[in-house]
Amino acid sequence: MTTESFIKGLIIGGIAGLAAAILYAPRSGREIRKQISDSTEEILSKAKMQYEDTRKKITQIAEDKKESYREKKERLKKALDAGVDVYKHGNTEMHQS
């Protein structure tokens, strides 16, 4: 599930719940408007928190992948350098014999 689809689902679900509450709640207009305002703020707050949590997780995953890439690149470079050294020394020893 992507962050974008989660946030869309959260907002759509919140709106649907809000609409149902408005339609079935025996309250005055003022009370309904207050409830709408409170619900909207709560939904937006939850969406912002989820967005930030997901952004942090994605950032951490990206950093971990970068570090893993750097480590693998360094190991490959060392292995190639070692292979080149063996090849050079092997060729030198063969020619000296």
N, C-alpha and C. Protein backbone atom coordinates (compact mmCIF):
# COMPACT_ATOMS: atom_id res chain seq x y z
N MET A 1 0.85 -1.16 0.00
CA MET A 1 0.00 0.00 0.00
C MET A 1 0.90 1.23 0.00
N THR A 2 0.60 2.16 -0.87
CA THR A 2 1.40 3.36 -0.92
C THR A 2 0.88 4.38 0.08
N THR A 3 1.72 5.32 0.42
CA THR A 3 1.33 6.38 1.34
C THR A 3 0.18 7.18 0.76
N GLU A 4 0.28 7.47 -0.51
CA GLU A 4 -0.74 8.28 -1.16
C GLU A 4 -2.10 7.58 -1.10
N SER A 5 -2.16 6.29 -1.38
CA SER A 5 -3.43 5.59 -1.36
C SER A 5 -3.94 5.47 0.08
N PHE A 6 -3.04 5.31 1.05
CA PHE A 6 -3.48 5.25 2.44
C PHE A 6 -4.11 6.57 2.86
N ILE A 7 -3.46 7.67 2.53
CA ILE A 7 -3.98 8.98 2.92
C ILE A 7 -5.30 9.25 2.22
N LYS A 8 -5.40 8.89 0.93
CA LYS A 8 -6.67 9.06 0.22
C LYS A 8 -7.77 8.24 0.90
N GLY A 9 -7.46 7.00 1.25
CA GLY A 9 -8.43 6.15 1.93
C GLY A 9 -8.84 6.72 3.27
N LEU A 10 -7.87 7.25 4.00
CA LEU A 10 -8.15 7.85 5.30
C LEU A 10 -9.09 9.04 5.15
N ILE A 11 -8.81 9.88 4.18
CA ILE A 11 -9.65 11.07 3.97
C ILE A 11 -11.03 10.68 3.48
N ILE A 12 -11.11 9.77 2.51
CA ILE A 12 -12.41 9.34 1.99
C ILE A 12 -13.22 8.65 3.08
N GLY A 13 -12.58 7.79 3.85
CA GLY A 13 -13.26 7.13 4.96
C GLY A 13 -13.76 8.12 6.00
N GLY A 14 -12.93 9.11 6.28
CA GLY A 14 -13.33 10.14 7.24
C GLY A 14 -14.52 10.94 6.75
N ILE A 15 -14.50 11.27 5.47
CA ILE A 15 -15.62 12.03 4.90
C ILE A 15 -16.89 11.19 4.90
N ALA A 16 -16.76 9.91 4.54
CA ALA A 16 -17.94 9.03 4.54
C ALA A 16 -18.51 8.89 5.95
N GLY A 17 -17.65 8.71 6.91
CA GLY A 17 -18.11 8.61 8.30
C GLY A 17 -18.75 9.90 8.78
N LEU A 18 -18.17 10.98 8.39
CA LEU A 18 -18.71 12.29 8.75
C LEU A 18 -20.09 12.49 8.13
N ALA A 19 -20.23 12.12 6.86
CA ALA A 19 -21.52 12.26 6.17
C ALA A 19 -22.58 11.40 6.85
N ALA A 20 -22.22 10.18 7.21
CA ALA A 20 -23.17 9.30 7.89
C ALA A 20 -23.58 9.88 9.24
N ALA A 21 -22.62 10.41 9.96
CA ALA A 21 -22.91 11.00 11.27
C ALA A 21 -23.84 12.20 11.13
N ILE A 22 -23.62 12.99 10.12
CA ILE A 22 -24.46 14.17 9.90
C ILE A 22 -25.90 13.75 9.57
N LEU A 23 -26.02 12.75 8.70
CA LEU A 23 -27.34 12.32 8.26
C LEU A 23 -28.15 11.66 9.38
N TYR A 24 -27.49 10.96 10.26
CA TYR A 24 -28.22 10.21 11.28
C TYR A 24 -28.19 10.83 12.68
N ALA A 25 -27.50 11.91 12.84
CA ALA A 25 -27.38 12.52 14.17
C ALA A 25 -28.51 13.51 14.42
N PRO A 26 -29.22 13.35 15.51
CA PRO A 26 -30.29 14.31 15.85
C PRO A 26 -29.71 15.50 16.61
N ARG A 27 -29.00 16.36 15.89
CA ARG A 27 -28.36 17.50 16.52
C ARG A 27 -28.75 18.78 15.79
N SER A 28 -28.47 19.87 16.46
CA SER A 28 -28.73 21.17 15.83
C SER A 28 -27.64 21.49 14.81
N GLY A 29 -27.89 22.46 13.97
CA GLY A 29 -26.91 22.87 12.95
C GLY A 29 -25.59 23.29 13.57
N ARG A 30 -25.65 24.00 14.68
CA ARG A 30 -24.43 24.46 15.34
C ARG A 30 -23.62 23.27 15.85
N GLU A 31 -24.30 22.30 16.45
CA GLU A 31 -23.60 21.13 16.96
C GLU A 31 -22.98 20.32 15.81
N ILE A 32 -23.72 20.22 14.72
CA ILE A 32 -23.22 19.47 13.56
C ILE A 32 -21.99 20.17 12.97
N ARG A 33 -22.05 21.49 12.84
CA ARG A 33 -20.90 22.23 12.31
C ARG A 33 -19.68 22.06 13.21
N LYS A 34 -19.89 22.08 14.51
CA LYS A 34 -18.79 21.88 15.46
C LYS A 34 -18.22 20.47 15.31
N GLN A 35 -19.12 19.50 15.18
CA GLN A 35 -18.67 18.11 15.01
C GLN A 35 -17.90 17.96 13.70
N ILE A 36 -18.38 18.60 12.64
CA ILE A 36 -17.68 18.54 11.35
C ILE A 36 -16.29 19.15 11.49
N SER A 37 -16.21 20.28 12.13
CA SER A 37 -14.93 20.96 12.31
C SER A 37 -13.97 20.08 13.12
N ASP A 38 -14.46 19.53 14.21
CA ASP A 38 -13.61 18.68 15.05
C ASP A 38 -13.16 17.43 14.29
N SER A 39 -14.09 16.81 13.59
CA SER A 39 -13.76 15.59 12.84
C SER A 39 -12.76 15.88 11.74
N THR A 40 -12.94 16.99 11.06
CA THR A 40 -12.02 17.36 9.98
C THR A 40 -10.62 17.58 10.52
N GLU A 41 -10.52 18.27 11.64
CA GLU A 41 -9.21 18.51 12.24
C GLU A 41 -8.56 17.19 12.67
N GLU A 42 -9.37 16.29 13.23
CA GLU A 42 -8.84 14.99 13.67
C GLU A 42 -8.35 14.18 12.47
N ILE A 43 -9.12 14.16 11.40
CA ILE A 43 -8.74 13.41 10.20
C ILE A 43 -7.46 13.98 9.60
N LEU A 44 -7.38 15.28 9.48
CA LEU A 44 -6.18 15.91 8.93
C LEU A 44 -4.97 15.67 9.82
N SER A 45 -5.17 15.71 11.12
CA SER A 45 -4.07 15.45 12.04
C SER A 45 -3.55 14.02 11.88
N LYS A 46 -4.46 13.06 11.80
CA LYS A 46 -4.06 11.66 11.61
C LYS A 46 -3.35 11.48 10.27
N ALA A 47 -3.88 12.12 9.23
CA ALA A 47 -3.26 12.00 7.91
C ALA A 47 -1.85 12.58 7.92
N LYS A 48 -1.66 13.72 8.57
CA LYS A 48 -0.34 14.33 8.67
C LYS A 48 0.62 13.44 9.44
N MET A 49 0.15 12.85 10.54
CA MET A 49 1.01 11.97 11.33
C MET A 49 1.41 10.74 10.52
N GLN A 50 0.45 10.16 9.80
CA GLN A 50 0.75 8.98 8.99
C GLN A 50 1.72 9.34 7.88
N TYR A 51 1.53 10.50 7.26
CA TYR A 51 2.42 10.96 6.20
C TYR A 51 3.84 11.11 6.74
N GLU A 52 3.99 11.74 7.89
CA GLU A 52 5.32 11.95 8.47
C GLU A 52 5.97 10.62 8.85
N ASP A 53 5.19 9.72 9.45
CA ASP A 53 5.74 8.41 9.81
C ASP A 53 6.23 7.67 8.56
N THR A 54 5.41 7.68 7.53
CA THR A 54 5.76 6.99 6.29
C THR A 54 6.96 7.65 5.62
N ARG A 55 7.00 8.97 5.62
CA ARG A 55 8.14 9.69 5.03
C ARG A 55 9.43 9.34 5.75
N LYS A 56 9.38 9.27 7.08
CA LYS A 56 10.57 8.91 7.86
C LYS A 56 11.02 7.49 7.55
N LYS A 57 10.06 6.57 7.45
CA LYS A 57 10.39 5.18 7.15
C LYS A 57 11.02 5.06 5.77
N ILE A 58 10.45 5.75 4.79
CA ILE A 58 10.98 5.71 3.43
C ILE A 58 12.38 6.32 3.39
N THR A 59 12.57 7.41 4.09
CA THR A 59 13.89 8.05 4.15
C THR A 59 14.90 7.10 4.77
N GLN A 60 14.52 6.41 5.85
CA GLN A 60 15.43 5.47 6.51
C GLN A 60 15.75 4.30 5.58
N ILE A 61 14.75 3.78 4.90
CA ILE A 61 14.98 2.67 3.96
C ILE A 61 15.93 3.11 2.86
N ALA A 62 15.73 4.32 2.33
CA ALA A 62 16.60 4.83 1.27
C ALA A 62 18.03 4.96 1.77
N GLU A 63 18.20 5.47 2.98
CA GLU A 63 19.55 5.60 3.56
C GLU A 63 20.20 4.23 3.75
N ASP A 64 19.40 3.28 4.23
CA ASP A 64 19.93 1.92 4.43
C ASP A 64 20.37 1.32 3.10
N LYS A 65 19.57 1.53 2.06
CA LYS A 65 19.90 0.99 0.74
C LYS A 65 21.15 1.66 0.18
N LYS A 66 21.28 2.96 0.39
CA LYS A 66 22.47 3.67 -0.07
C LYS A 66 23.72 3.10 0.61
N GLU A 67 23.62 2.90 1.92
CA GLU A 67 24.76 2.37 2.66
C GLU A 67 25.10 0.96 2.19
N SER A 68 24.09 0.15 1.99
CA SER A 68 24.31 -1.21 1.50
C SER A 68 24.97 -1.18 0.12
N TYR A 69 24.52 -0.27 -0.73
CA TYR A 69 25.11 -0.12 -2.06
C TYR A 69 26.58 0.28 -1.94
N ARG A 70 26.87 1.24 -1.08
CA ARG A 70 28.25 1.69 -0.89
C ARG A 70 29.14 0.54 -0.41
N GLU A 71 28.63 -0.24 0.54
CA GLU A 71 29.42 -1.36 1.07
C GLU A 71 29.68 -2.40 -0.02
N LYS A 72 28.66 -2.72 -0.79
CA LYS A 72 28.82 -3.71 -1.85
C LYS A 72 29.76 -3.19 -2.93
N LYS A 73 29.66 -1.92 -3.24
CA LYS A 73 30.54 -1.31 -4.24
C LYS A 73 31.99 -1.38 -3.77
N GLU A 74 32.22 -1.09 -2.50
CA GLU A 74 33.57 -1.13 -1.94
C GLU A 74 34.12 -2.56 -1.95
N ARG A 75 33.28 -3.54 -1.57
CA ARG A 75 33.74 -4.94 -1.60
C ARG A 75 34.07 -5.38 -3.02
N LEU A 76 33.24 -4.97 -3.99
CA LEU A 76 33.49 -5.32 -5.38
C LEU A 76 34.79 -4.69 -5.86
N LYS A 77 35.01 -3.43 -5.49
CA LYS A 77 36.25 -2.75 -5.88
C LYS A 77 37.46 -3.48 -5.31
N LYS A 78 37.39 -3.87 -4.04
CA LYS A 78 38.51 -4.59 -3.41
C LYS A 78 38.73 -5.93 -4.10
N ALA A 79 37.64 -6.62 -4.43
CA ALA A 79 37.77 -7.92 -5.10
C ALA A 79 38.39 -7.74 -6.49
N LEU A 80 37.97 -6.72 -7.21
CA LEU A 80 38.54 -6.46 -8.53
C LEU A 80 40.02 -6.09 -8.43
N ASP A 81 40.34 -5.24 -7.46
CA ASP A 81 41.74 -4.86 -7.27
C ASP A 81 42.59 -6.09 -6.93
N ALA A 82 42.06 -6.95 -6.08
CA ALA A 82 42.78 -8.16 -5.72
C ALA A 82 42.95 -9.06 -6.95
N GLY A 83 41.92 -9.16 -7.76
CA GLY A 83 42.00 -9.96 -8.98
C GLY A 83 43.02 -9.40 -9.94
N VAL A 84 43.07 -8.09 -10.08
CA VAL A 84 44.05 -7.46 -10.96
C VAL A 84 45.46 -7.72 -10.43
N ASP A 85 45.65 -7.59 -9.12
CA ASP A 85 46.96 -7.86 -8.53
C ASP A 85 47.40 -9.30 -8.77
N VAL A 86 46.49 -10.23 -8.57
CA VAL A 86 46.82 -11.64 -8.80
C VAL A 86 47.18 -11.85 -10.26
N TYR A 87 46.43 -11.25 -11.13
CA TYR A 87 46.69 -11.40 -12.56
C TYR A 87 48.07 -10.83 -12.92
N LYS A 88 48.35 -9.62 -12.40
CA LYS A 88 49.65 -9.00 -12.70
C LYS A 88 50.79 -9.82 -12.12
N HIS A 89 50.69 -10.23 -10.87
CA HIS A 89 51.76 -11.01 -10.24
C HIS A 89 51.87 -12.38 -10.88
N GLY A 90 50.76 -12.95 -11.25
CA GLY A 90 50.77 -14.25 -11.91
C GLY A 90 51.46 -14.17 -13.24
N ASN A 91 51.20 -13.13 -14.03
CA ASN A 91 51.85 -12.93 -15.30
C ASN A 91 53.34 -12.67 -15.14
N THR A 92 53.72 -11.92 -14.13
CA THR A 92 55.12 -11.59 -13.88
C THR A 92 55.87 -12.85 -13.49
N GLU A 93 55.28 -13.67 -12.62
CA GLU A 93 55.93 -14.90 -12.20
C GLU A 93 56.07 -15.87 -13.37
N MET A 94 55.10 -15.92 -14.24
CA MET A 94 55.17 -16.84 -15.39
C MET A 94 56.27 -16.42 -16.34
N HIS A 95 56.45 -15.11 -16.54
CA HIS A 95 57.48 -14.61 -17.45
C HIS A 95 58.88 -14.72 -16.86
N GLN A 96 59.00 -14.69 -15.54
CA GLN A 96 60.31 -14.76 -14.89
C GLN A 96 60.82 -16.20 -14.86
N SER A 97 59.99 -17.16 -14.91
CA SER A 97 60.42 -18.57 -14.81
C SER A 97 61.15 -19.04 -16.01
